Structures are given as structure tokens and as C-alpha cells.
Amino acid sequence: MTNEEFKNKIIKVGTFFSGIGSPEKALERLKNERYINDYKVEFFSEIDKNAIKSYCAIHDVDEKLNYGSITDIKGEDLPYCDL
């Protein structure tokens, strides 16, 4: 993939032990500084109820994207993600 193709791509993101989503904030900064075109949260995995609420508010995503405890996640159930 060329640098130009990468800059035009929407990066699909999934995180485990997500907390409030620091990697997603880094991607938002890269987007704002035009290093990447955009990113989309495909899923996140968090068990702390306060972190889940904060994550959803900060990243404007639905709680349905939370896969919950990593001990309950099966690899074959995960959507494709670039990161």
C-alpha cells in the first residue's frame, strides 16, 4: 500500500482492555493533523462500567460495540480490523 493509499483509507480499529480509549484519541489526533483520512471503531473490550460510559461518550460510539470481558471473546467472532 502506498503512502497516498494509506492516507485515503479508513482504518478499522478494535481494542482490548480499552479503558477510555487512548489509542483512539491518538488516531483522532492523526486525523486532525491529516496524517490519516479517518478511522472507525469496530469494537472495544472493557469491563469497568465507568470506563465503558466514558469511552462511549469520548468516542461517540454505542455501548453495543463493547465486547465485554476478554475471557468471553472468541477470535472467530471478531470483525476484521486494521489495528
C-alpha atoms as a PDB file:
ATOM      1  CA  MET A   1       0.000   0.000   0.000  1.00  0.00           C
ATOM      2  CA  THR A   2       1.424   3.363  -0.981  1.00  0.00           C
ATOM      3  CA  ASN A   3       1.565   6.319   1.379  1.00  0.00           C
ATOM      4  CA  GLU A   4      -1.207   8.046  -0.615  1.00  0.00           C
ATOM      5  CA  GLU A   5      -3.434   4.949  -0.498  1.00  0.00           C
ATOM      6  CA  PHE A   6      -2.876   4.734   3.254  1.00  0.00           C
ATOM      7  CA  LYS A   7      -3.774   8.398   3.742  1.00  0.00           C
ATOM      8  CA  ASN A   8      -7.116   7.824   1.957  1.00  0.00           C
ATOM      9  CA  LYS A   9      -8.000   4.665   3.905  1.00  0.00           C
ATOM     10  CA  ILE A  10     -10.469   4.449   6.778  1.00  0.00           C
ATOM     11  CA  ILE A  11      -8.640   2.478   9.458  1.00  0.00           C
ATOM     12  CA  LYS A  12     -10.786  -0.132  11.217  1.00  0.00           C
ATOM     13  CA  VAL A  13      -9.916  -0.305  14.915  1.00  0.00           C
ATOM     14  CA  GLY A  14     -10.588  -2.823  17.669  1.00  0.00           C
ATOM     15  CA  THR A  15      -9.075  -2.647  21.141  1.00  0.00           C
ATOM     16  CA  PHE A  16      -8.863  -4.893  24.186  1.00  0.00           C
ATOM     17  CA  PHE A  17      -8.519  -3.608  27.755  1.00  0.00           C
ATOM     18  CA  SER A  18      -9.765  -0.386  26.184  1.00  0.00           C
ATOM     19  CA  GLY A  19     -10.112   1.851  29.215  1.00  0.00           C
ATOM     20  CA  ILE A  20     -11.204   5.255  27.934  1.00  0.00           C
ATOM     21  CA  GLY A  21      -9.639   4.702  24.517  1.00  0.00           C
ATOM     22  CA  SER A  22      -6.221   6.360  24.450  1.00  0.00           C
ATOM     23  CA  PRO A  23      -5.211   4.714  21.136  1.00  0.00           C
ATOM     24  CA  GLU A  24      -8.408   6.026  19.557  1.00  0.00           C
ATOM     25  CA  LYS A  25      -7.587   9.558  20.780  1.00  0.00           C
ATOM     26  CA  ALA A  26      -4.172   9.219  19.148  1.00  0.00           C
ATOM     27  CA  LEU A  27      -5.887   8.258  15.878  1.00  0.00           C
ATOM     28  CA  GLU A  28      -8.198  11.253  16.223  1.00  0.00           C
ATOM     29  CA  ARG A  29      -5.152  13.490  16.540  1.00  0.00           C
ATOM     30  CA  LEU A  30      -3.572  11.907  13.447  1.00  0.00           C
ATOM     31  CA  LYS A  31      -6.825  12.527  11.588  1.00  0.00           C
ATOM     32  CA  ASN A  32      -6.983  16.158  12.714  1.00  0.00           C
ATOM     33  CA  GLU A  33      -3.383  16.675  11.610  1.00  0.00           C
ATOM     34  CA  ARG A  34      -4.212  14.976   8.281  1.00  0.00           C
ATOM     35  CA  TYR A  35      -1.779  12.093   8.609  1.00  0.00           C
ATOM     36  CA  ILE A  36      -4.684   9.683   8.147  1.00  0.00           C
ATOM     37  CA  ASN A  37      -8.043  10.078   6.418  1.00  0.00           C
ATOM     38  CA  ASP A  38     -10.265   8.599   9.132  1.00  0.00           C
ATOM     39  CA  TYR A  39     -10.764   5.685  11.500  1.00  0.00           C
ATOM     40  CA  LYS A  40     -13.770   3.676  12.644  1.00  0.00           C
ATOM     41  CA  VAL A  41     -14.184   1.828  15.933  1.00  0.00           C
ATOM     42  CA  GLU A  42     -15.335  -1.704  15.062  1.00  0.00           C
ATOM     43  CA  PHE A  43     -15.335  -2.920  18.678  1.00  0.00           C
ATOM     44  CA  PHE A  44     -13.786  -2.380  22.056  1.00  0.00           C
ATOM     45  CA  SER A  45     -13.407  -4.656  25.067  1.00  0.00           C
ATOM     46  CA  GLU A  46     -13.801  -3.249  28.570  1.00  0.00           C
ATOM     47  CA  ILE A  47     -15.388  -4.497  31.810  1.00  0.00           C
ATOM     48  CA  ASP A  48     -15.274  -1.408  34.041  1.00  0.00           C
ATOM     49  CA  LYS A  49     -18.701   0.242  33.894  1.00  0.00           C
ATOM     50  CA  ASN A  50     -17.325   3.775  34.376  1.00  0.00           C
ATOM     51  CA  ALA A  51     -14.648   3.279  31.714  1.00  0.00           C
ATOM     52  CA  ILE A  52     -17.318   1.960  29.306  1.00  0.00           C
ATOM     53  CA  LYS A  53     -19.523   5.029  29.809  1.00  0.00           C
ATOM     54  CA  SER A  54     -16.514   7.336  29.424  1.00  0.00           C
ATOM     55  CA  TYR A  55     -15.272   5.506  26.325  1.00  0.00           C
ATOM     56  CA  CYS A  56     -18.669   5.788  24.635  1.00  0.00           C
ATOM     57  CA  ALA A  57     -19.001   9.477  25.491  1.00  0.00           C
ATOM     58  CA  ILE A  58     -15.467  10.377  24.419  1.00  0.00           C
ATOM     59  CA  HIS A  59     -15.618   8.474  21.120  1.00  0.00           C
ATOM     60  CA  ASP A  60     -19.323   8.919  20.409  1.00  0.00           C
ATOM     61  CA  VAL A  61     -19.992   5.206  19.995  1.00  0.00           C
ATOM     62  CA  ASP A  62     -22.765   2.912  21.178  1.00  0.00           C
ATOM     63  CA  GLU A  63     -22.195   0.591  24.149  1.00  0.00           C
ATOM     64  CA  LYS A  64     -23.214  -2.279  21.834  1.00  0.00           C
ATOM     65  CA  LEU A  65     -19.697  -2.093  20.366  1.00  0.00           C
ATOM     66  CA  ASN A  66     -18.313  -3.257  23.718  1.00  0.00           C
ATOM     67  CA  TYR A  67     -17.485  -6.963  23.593  1.00  0.00           C
ATOM     68  CA  GLY A  68     -17.067  -7.070  27.381  1.00  0.00           C
ATOM     69  CA  SER A  69     -14.606  -9.342  29.129  1.00  0.00           C
ATOM     70  CA  ILE A  70     -11.754 -10.666  27.050  1.00  0.00           C
ATOM     71  CA  THR A  71     -12.333 -14.069  28.660  1.00  0.00           C
ATOM     72  CA  ASP A  72     -15.687 -14.281  26.860  1.00  0.00           C
ATOM     73  CA  ILE A  73     -14.450 -13.283  23.389  1.00  0.00           C
ATOM     74  CA  LYS A  74     -13.808 -15.865  20.692  1.00  0.00           C
ATOM     75  CA  GLY A  75     -11.408 -14.938  17.924  1.00  0.00           C
ATOM     76  CA  GLU A  76     -13.775 -16.123  15.199  1.00  0.00           C
ATOM     77  CA  ASP A  77     -16.397 -13.656  16.462  1.00  0.00           C
ATOM     78  CA  LEU A  78     -14.171 -10.621  15.958  1.00  0.00           C
ATOM     79  CA  PRO A  79     -14.691  -8.383  12.925  1.00  0.00           C
ATOM     80  CA  TYR A  80     -11.783  -7.586  10.626  1.00  0.00           C
ATOM     81  CA  CYS A  81      -9.653  -4.697  11.923  1.00  0.00           C
ATOM     82  CA  ASP A  82      -6.555  -2.996  10.577  1.00  0.00           C
ATOM     83  CA  LEU A  83      -5.373  -2.104  14.054  1.00  0.00           C
END
